[in-house]
Amino acid sequence: FWKYRKVINGSWTKKVSGGSPNYESFPNNPQFRVQLTDKTNLRYLLEAPVKYSVNIQMFRCVNFNQEDTANDTGGQSLSSMKNNNNNADDNASRENKEQEDNAADEEVINMDNASFAEKKTTKISGKILNREHYKTTLMVATSGAYRYGVACIDVKNLEEGVYIVIISTFEPNQIGGFKFTVRSSQRIGFTPV
């Protein structure tokens, strides 16, 4: 069911730890843009130090500008990503089907804090910047109440589009590492922003 997996190893720092949505600093948390070209099932798993209450929230992206984010997707638009997915699926179907079903496509990304901080200051498109971008009417999924050390979301049959995922600790300025795993039933665009 989960054919693809991406693992992000990163950390919250003073610059990249905004706390829960109760704080104006919420947009200062690590954010990831998710681009879907087909209806997709997703699973998010956030692992953090057990002393921190953590949460995952996913929102529809309301300020996405393809031109501003071309470098994040290798210059590909959603439609060209979809075409590449279709071509990859056609090629894969010609290969040994049993081998394809048993082997997941996996990517591990080790982020340093500078990567998040740099992206926060240079990009304004395709990310959450203020309360208008994370209104409850835009929320697609949440892991629910903040939980110590771990949070998880399963999102079923999510429609094609652009979304933003924010991972947060309950209080601002809580420093520590995290491992964020995303599993999907289809290929997705997944970019730290």
C-alpha atoms as a PDB file:
ATOM      1  CA  PHE A   1       0.000   0.000   0.000  1.00  0.00           C
ATOM      2  CA  TRP A   2       2.783   2.475   0.913  1.00  0.00           C
ATOM      3  CA  LYS A   3       4.989   2.322  -2.180  1.00  0.00           C
ATOM      4  CA  TYR A   4       7.042   5.477  -1.546  1.00  0.00           C
ATOM      5  CA  ARG A   5       8.820   6.808   1.521  1.00  0.00           C
ATOM      6  CA  LYS A   6      10.728   9.973   2.364  1.00  0.00           C
ATOM      7  CA  VAL A   7      12.535  10.491   5.666  1.00  0.00           C
ATOM      8  CA  ILE A   8      13.584  13.945   6.865  1.00  0.00           C
ATOM      9  CA  ASN A   9      16.152  14.164   9.664  1.00  0.00           C
ATOM     10  CA  GLY A  10      16.212  17.687  11.083  1.00  0.00           C
ATOM     11  CA  SER A  11      15.910  19.750  14.227  1.00  0.00           C
ATOM     12  CA  TRP A  12      14.035  22.579  15.876  1.00  0.00           C
ATOM     13  CA  THR A  13      16.248  25.537  16.851  1.00  0.00           C
ATOM     14  CA  LYS A  14      15.590  29.008  18.281  1.00  0.00           C
ATOM     15  CA  LYS A  15      14.971  30.269  14.717  1.00  0.00           C
ATOM     16  CA  VAL A  16      12.916  27.251  13.639  1.00  0.00           C
ATOM     17  CA  SER A  17      10.702  26.449  16.625  1.00  0.00           C
ATOM     18  CA  GLY A  18       7.546  28.536  16.662  1.00  0.00           C
ATOM     19  CA  GLY A  19       5.333  26.480  18.939  1.00  0.00           C
ATOM     20  CA  SER A  20       1.648  25.671  18.481  1.00  0.00           C
ATOM     21  CA  PRO A  21      -0.910  27.719  16.492  1.00  0.00           C
ATOM     22  CA  ASN A  22      -1.667  29.531  19.778  1.00  0.00           C
ATOM     23  CA  TYR A  23       1.489  31.575  19.108  1.00  0.00           C
ATOM     24  CA  GLU A  24       2.013  34.173  16.376  1.00  0.00           C
ATOM     25  CA  SER A  25       5.378  32.463  15.787  1.00  0.00           C
ATOM     26  CA  PHE A  26       3.683  29.224  14.540  1.00  0.00           C
ATOM     27  CA  PRO A  27       4.838  29.834  10.911  1.00  0.00           C
ATOM     28  CA  ASN A  28       8.461  29.675  12.159  1.00  0.00           C
ATOM     29  CA  ASN A  29       8.214  25.871  12.453  1.00  0.00           C
ATOM     30  CA  PRO A  30       9.597  23.468   9.818  1.00  0.00           C
ATOM     31  CA  GLN A  31       7.257  23.433   6.801  1.00  0.00           C
ATOM     32  CA  PHE A  32       7.043  21.079   3.838  1.00  0.00           C
ATOM     33  CA  ARG A  33       5.221  21.648   0.553  1.00  0.00           C
ATOM     34  CA  VAL A  34       3.431  18.552  -0.744  1.00  0.00           C
ATOM     35  CA  GLN A  35       2.464  18.500  -4.429  1.00  0.00           C
ATOM     36  CA  LEU A  36       0.068  15.793  -5.574  1.00  0.00           C
ATOM     37  CA  THR A  37      -0.661  15.021  -9.202  1.00  0.00           C
ATOM     38  CA  ASP A  38      -3.173  12.256  -8.494  1.00  0.00           C
ATOM     39  CA  LYS A  39      -5.494  11.199  -5.701  1.00  0.00           C
ATOM     40  CA  THR A  40      -3.127   9.853  -3.045  1.00  0.00           C
ATOM     41  CA  ASN A  41      -3.020   8.207   0.376  1.00  0.00           C
ATOM     42  CA  LEU A  42      -0.442   9.625   2.797  1.00  0.00           C
ATOM     43  CA  ARG A  43       0.939   8.688   6.200  1.00  0.00           C
ATOM     44  CA  TYR A  44       3.004  11.131   8.246  1.00  0.00           C
ATOM     45  CA  LEU A  45       5.010  10.033  11.285  1.00  0.00           C
ATOM     46  CA  LEU A  46       6.880  12.552  13.455  1.00  0.00           C
ATOM     47  CA  GLU A  47       9.361  11.264  16.037  1.00  0.00           C
ATOM     48  CA  ALA A  48      10.937  13.698  18.519  1.00  0.00           C
ATOM     49  CA  PRO A  49      12.442  13.799  22.020  1.00  0.00           C
ATOM     50  CA  VAL A  50       9.872  12.358  24.429  1.00  0.00           C
ATOM     51  CA  LYS A  51      10.053  15.493  26.602  1.00  0.00           C
ATOM     52  CA  TYR A  52       8.329  17.533  23.838  1.00  0.00           C
ATOM     53  CA  SER A  53       4.668  17.480  22.902  1.00  0.00           C
ATOM     54  CA  VAL A  54       4.539  17.442  19.082  1.00  0.00           C
ATOM     55  CA  ASN A  55       1.956  17.772  16.347  1.00  0.00           C
ATOM     56  CA  ILE A  56       1.532  17.586  12.565  1.00  0.00           C
ATOM     57  CA  GLN A  57      -0.910  19.787  10.654  1.00  0.00           C
ATOM     58  CA  MET A  58      -1.659  19.799   6.926  1.00  0.00           C
ATOM     59  CA  PHE A  59      -3.272  22.731   5.117  1.00  0.00           C
ATOM     60  CA  ARG A  60      -4.329  23.590   1.576  1.00  0.00           C
ATOM     61  CA  CYS A  61      -1.755  25.988   0.157  1.00  0.00           C
ATOM     62  CA  VAL A  62      -3.382  29.320  -0.715  1.00  0.00           C
ATOM     63  CA  ASN A  63      -0.335  31.275  -1.872  1.00  0.00           C
ATOM     64  CA  PHE A  64       1.340  28.901  -4.329  1.00  0.00           C
ATOM     65  CA  ASN A  65       3.035  30.533  -7.319  1.00  0.00           C
ATOM     66  CA  GLN A  66       4.649  27.994  -9.654  1.00  0.00           C
ATOM     67  CA  GLU A  67       7.175  30.544 -10.961  1.00  0.00           C
ATOM     68  CA  ASP A  68       8.506  31.322  -7.456  1.00  0.00           C
ATOM     69  CA  THR A  69       8.973  27.638  -6.686  1.00  0.00           C
ATOM     70  CA  ALA A  70      10.312  26.265  -9.981  1.00  0.00           C
ATOM     71  CA  ASN A  71      13.693  25.491  -8.424  1.00  0.00           C
ATOM     72  CA  ASP A  72      12.044  23.448  -5.661  1.00  0.00           C
ATOM     73  CA  THR A  73      10.492  21.042  -8.161  1.00  0.00           C
ATOM     74  CA  GLY A  74      13.387  21.016 -10.591  1.00  0.00           C
ATOM     75  CA  GLY A  75      11.524  23.509 -12.758  1.00  0.00           C
ATOM     76  CA  GLN A  76       8.593  21.144 -13.228  1.00  0.00           C
ATOM     77  CA  SER A  77       4.971  22.204 -13.152  1.00  0.00           C
ATOM     78  CA  LEU A  78       2.310  19.977 -11.593  1.00  0.00           C
ATOM     79  CA  SER A  79       1.237  18.821 -15.050  1.00  0.00           C
ATOM     80  CA  SER A  80       4.792  17.837 -16.069  1.00  0.00           C
ATOM     81  CA  MET A  81       5.213  16.019 -12.725  1.00  0.00           C
ATOM     82  CA  LYS A  82       1.995  14.143 -13.511  1.00  0.00           C
ATOM     83  CA  ASN A  83       3.277  13.222 -16.976  1.00  0.00           C
ATOM     84  CA  ASN A  84       6.547  11.993 -15.463  1.00  0.00           C
ATOM     85  CA  ASN A  85       4.579   9.928 -12.928  1.00  0.00           C
ATOM     86  CA  ASN A  86       2.511   8.394 -15.728  1.00  0.00           C
ATOM     87  CA  ASN A  87       5.645   7.610 -17.765  1.00  0.00           C
ATOM     88  CA  ALA A  88       7.365   6.128 -14.712  1.00  0.00           C
ATOM     89  CA  ASP A  89       4.285   4.016 -13.994  1.00  0.00           C
ATOM     90  CA  ASP A  90       4.151   2.804 -17.621  1.00  0.00           C
ATOM     91  CA  ASN A  91       7.847   1.870 -17.518  1.00  0.00           C
ATOM     92  CA  ALA A  92       7.490   0.191 -14.137  1.00  0.00           C
ATOM     93  CA  SER A  93       4.543  -1.865 -15.312  1.00  0.00           C
ATOM     94  CA  ARG A  94       6.751  -3.334 -18.045  1.00  0.00           C
ATOM     95  CA  GLU A  95       9.278  -4.470 -15.453  1.00  0.00           C
ATOM     96  CA  ASN A  96       8.961  -7.329 -13.054  1.00  0.00           C
ATOM     97  CA  LYS A  97       5.681  -6.524 -11.273  1.00  0.00           C
ATOM     98  CA  GLU A  98       6.437  -8.696  -8.251  1.00  0.00           C
ATOM     99  CA  GLN A  99       9.757  -6.943  -7.670  1.00  0.00           C
ATOM    100  CA  GLU A 100       8.101  -3.509  -7.947  1.00  0.00           C
ATOM    101  CA  ASP A 101       5.412  -4.395  -5.412  1.00  0.00           C
ATOM    102  CA  ASN A 102       7.924  -5.594  -2.832  1.00  0.00           C
ATOM    103  CA  ALA A 103      10.419  -2.731  -3.102  1.00  0.00           C
ATOM    104  CA  ALA A 104       9.514   0.765  -1.893  1.00  0.00           C
ATOM    105  CA  ASP A 105      11.000   3.898  -3.419  1.00  0.00           C
ATOM    106  CA  GLU A 106      12.834   5.535  -0.507  1.00  0.00           C
ATOM    107  CA  GLU A 107      14.641   8.842  -0.031  1.00  0.00           C
ATOM    108  CA  VAL A 108      16.407  10.084   3.117  1.00  0.00           C
ATOM    109  CA  ILE A 109      17.079  13.823   3.503  1.00  0.00           C
ATOM    110  CA  ASN A 110      19.322  15.183   6.242  1.00  0.00           C
ATOM    111  CA  MET A 111      18.388  18.795   6.878  1.00  0.00           C
ATOM    112  CA  ASP A 112      20.404  21.274   8.845  1.00  0.00           C
ATOM    113  CA  ASN A 113      18.819  24.266  10.525  1.00  0.00           C
ATOM    114  CA  ALA A 114      20.342  26.684   8.024  1.00  0.00           C
ATOM    115  CA  SER A 115      18.310  25.071   5.256  1.00  0.00           C
ATOM    116  CA  PHE A 116      14.994  25.892   6.947  1.00  0.00           C
ATOM    117  CA  ALA A 117      16.109  29.353   8.082  1.00  0.00           C
ATOM    118  CA  GLU A 118      17.447  30.224   4.601  1.00  0.00           C
ATOM    119  CA  LYS A 119      14.253  29.092   2.872  1.00  0.00           C
ATOM    120  CA  LYS A 120      12.168  31.074   5.348  1.00  0.00           C
ATOM    121  CA  THR A 121      13.863  34.318   4.388  1.00  0.00           C
ATOM    122  CA  THR A 122      14.104  33.854   0.627  1.00  0.00           C
ATOM    123  CA  LYS A 123      10.706  32.348  -0.339  1.00  0.00           C
ATOM    124  CA  ILE A 124       7.270  33.828   0.128  1.00  0.00           C
ATOM    125  CA  SER A 125       5.270  31.568  -2.168  1.00  0.00           C
ATOM    126  CA  GLY A 126       3.990  28.136  -1.272  1.00  0.00           C
ATOM    127  CA  LYS A 127       4.356  28.337   2.501  1.00  0.00           C
ATOM    128  CA  ILE A 128       2.503  29.460   5.582  1.00  0.00           C
ATOM    129  CA  LEU A 129       3.377  33.040   6.513  1.00  0.00           C
ATOM    130  CA  ASN A 130       0.508  34.239   8.717  1.00  0.00           C
ATOM    131  CA  ARG A 131      -2.795  33.222  10.341  1.00  0.00           C
ATOM    132  CA  GLU A 132      -4.705  33.636   7.056  1.00  0.00           C
ATOM    133  CA  HIS A 133      -2.674  30.693   5.671  1.00  0.00           C
ATOM    134  CA  TYR A 134      -3.537  28.316   8.523  1.00  0.00           C
ATOM    135  CA  LYS A 135      -7.187  28.987   9.204  1.00  0.00           C
ATOM    136  CA  THR A 136      -9.147  25.931  10.309  1.00  0.00           C
ATOM    137  CA  THR A 137     -11.131  26.093   7.057  1.00  0.00           C
ATOM    138  CA  LEU A 138      -7.881  25.343   5.186  1.00  0.00           C
ATOM    139  CA  MET A 139      -6.890  22.405   7.416  1.00  0.00           C
ATOM    140  CA  VAL A 140      -6.912  19.045   5.651  1.00  0.00           C
ATOM    141  CA  ALA A 141      -5.588  16.870   8.479  1.00  0.00           C
ATOM    142  CA  THR A 142      -4.110  17.031  11.967  1.00  0.00           C
ATOM    143  CA  SER A 143      -2.545  14.559  14.343  1.00  0.00           C
ATOM    144  CA  GLY A 144      -4.934  15.857  17.002  1.00  0.00           C
ATOM    145  CA  ALA A 145      -3.847  16.844  20.485  1.00  0.00           C
ATOM    146  CA  TYR A 146      -0.140  17.411  21.034  1.00  0.00           C
ATOM    147  CA  ARG A 147       1.514  14.157  22.202  1.00  0.00           C
ATOM    148  CA  TYR A 148       4.831  13.505  23.876  1.00  0.00           C
ATOM    149  CA  GLY A 149       7.501  12.341  21.440  1.00  0.00           C
ATOM    150  CA  VAL A 150       5.380  11.115  18.528  1.00  0.00           C
ATOM    151  CA  ALA A 151       2.577  12.216  16.195  1.00  0.00           C
ATOM    152  CA  CYS A 152       0.945  10.429  13.261  1.00  0.00           C
ATOM    153  CA  ILE A 153      -1.623  11.191  10.545  1.00  0.00           C
ATOM    154  CA  ASP A 154      -3.198   8.985   7.882  1.00  0.00           C
ATOM    155  CA  VAL A 155      -4.800  10.942   5.034  1.00  0.00           C
ATOM    156  CA  LYS A 156      -6.915   8.892   2.626  1.00  0.00           C
ATOM    157  CA  ASN A 157      -7.856   9.802  -0.957  1.00  0.00           C
ATOM    158  CA  LEU A 158      -6.331  13.269  -0.878  1.00  0.00           C
ATOM    159  CA  GLU A 159      -7.098  15.163  -4.082  1.00  0.00           C
ATOM    160  CA  GLU A 160      -4.518  16.523  -6.528  1.00  0.00           C
ATOM    161  CA  GLY A 161      -3.153  19.901  -5.416  1.00  0.00           C
ATOM    162  CA  VAL A 162      -0.592  21.745  -3.319  1.00  0.00           C
ATOM    163  CA  TYR A 163      -0.521  21.439   0.464  1.00  0.00           C
ATOM    164  CA  ILE A 164       1.660  22.625   3.342  1.00  0.00           C
ATOM    165  CA  VAL A 165       2.587  20.431   6.315  1.00  0.00           C
ATOM    166  CA  ILE A 166       3.881  22.011   9.534  1.00  0.00           C
ATOM    167  CA  ILE A 167       5.504  20.032  12.321  1.00  0.00           C
ATOM    168  CA  SER A 168       5.609  21.755  15.686  1.00  0.00           C
ATOM    169  CA  THR A 169       6.311  21.475  19.380  1.00  0.00           C
ATOM    170  CA  PHE A 170       3.649  22.822  21.742  1.00  0.00           C
ATOM    171  CA  GLU A 171       5.830  25.611  23.158  1.00  0.00           C
ATOM    172  CA  PRO A 172       8.129  27.885  21.109  1.00  0.00           C
ATOM    173  CA  ASN A 173      11.921  27.630  21.393  1.00  0.00           C
ATOM    174  CA  GLN A 174      12.011  23.946  22.243  1.00  0.00           C
ATOM    175  CA  ILE A 175      15.302  22.724  20.812  1.00  0.00           C
ATOM    176  CA  GLY A 176      15.830  19.168  19.619  1.00  0.00           C
ATOM    177  CA  GLY A 177      16.055  16.775  16.726  1.00  0.00           C
ATOM    178  CA  PHE A 178      13.231  15.130  14.825  1.00  0.00           C
ATOM    179  CA  LYS A 179      12.666  12.408  12.273  1.00  0.00           C
ATOM    180  CA  PHE A 180       9.757  13.070   9.922  1.00  0.00           C
ATOM    181  CA  THR A 181       8.648  10.173   7.702  1.00  0.00           C
ATOM    182  CA  VAL A 182       6.194  10.483   4.828  1.00  0.00           C
ATOM    183  CA  ARG A 183       4.752   7.426   3.118  1.00  0.00           C
ATOM    184  CA  SER A 184       2.565   7.605   0.038  1.00  0.00           C
ATOM    185  CA  SER A 185       0.693   5.390  -2.375  1.00  0.00           C
ATOM    186  CA  GLN A 186       1.741   7.595  -5.355  1.00  0.00           C
ATOM    187  CA  ARG A 187       4.833   9.635  -6.181  1.00  0.00           C
ATOM    188  CA  ILE A 188       4.607  13.080  -4.591  1.00  0.00           C
ATOM    189  CA  GLY A 189       6.518  16.318  -4.674  1.00  0.00           C
ATOM    190  CA  PHE A 190       7.839  16.911  -1.141  1.00  0.00           C
ATOM    191  CA  THR A 191       9.979  19.992  -0.489  1.00  0.00           C
ATOM    192  CA  PRO A 192      11.138  21.681   2.731  1.00  0.00           C
ATOM    193  CA  VAL A 193      10.162  25.367   2.515  1.00  0.00           C
END
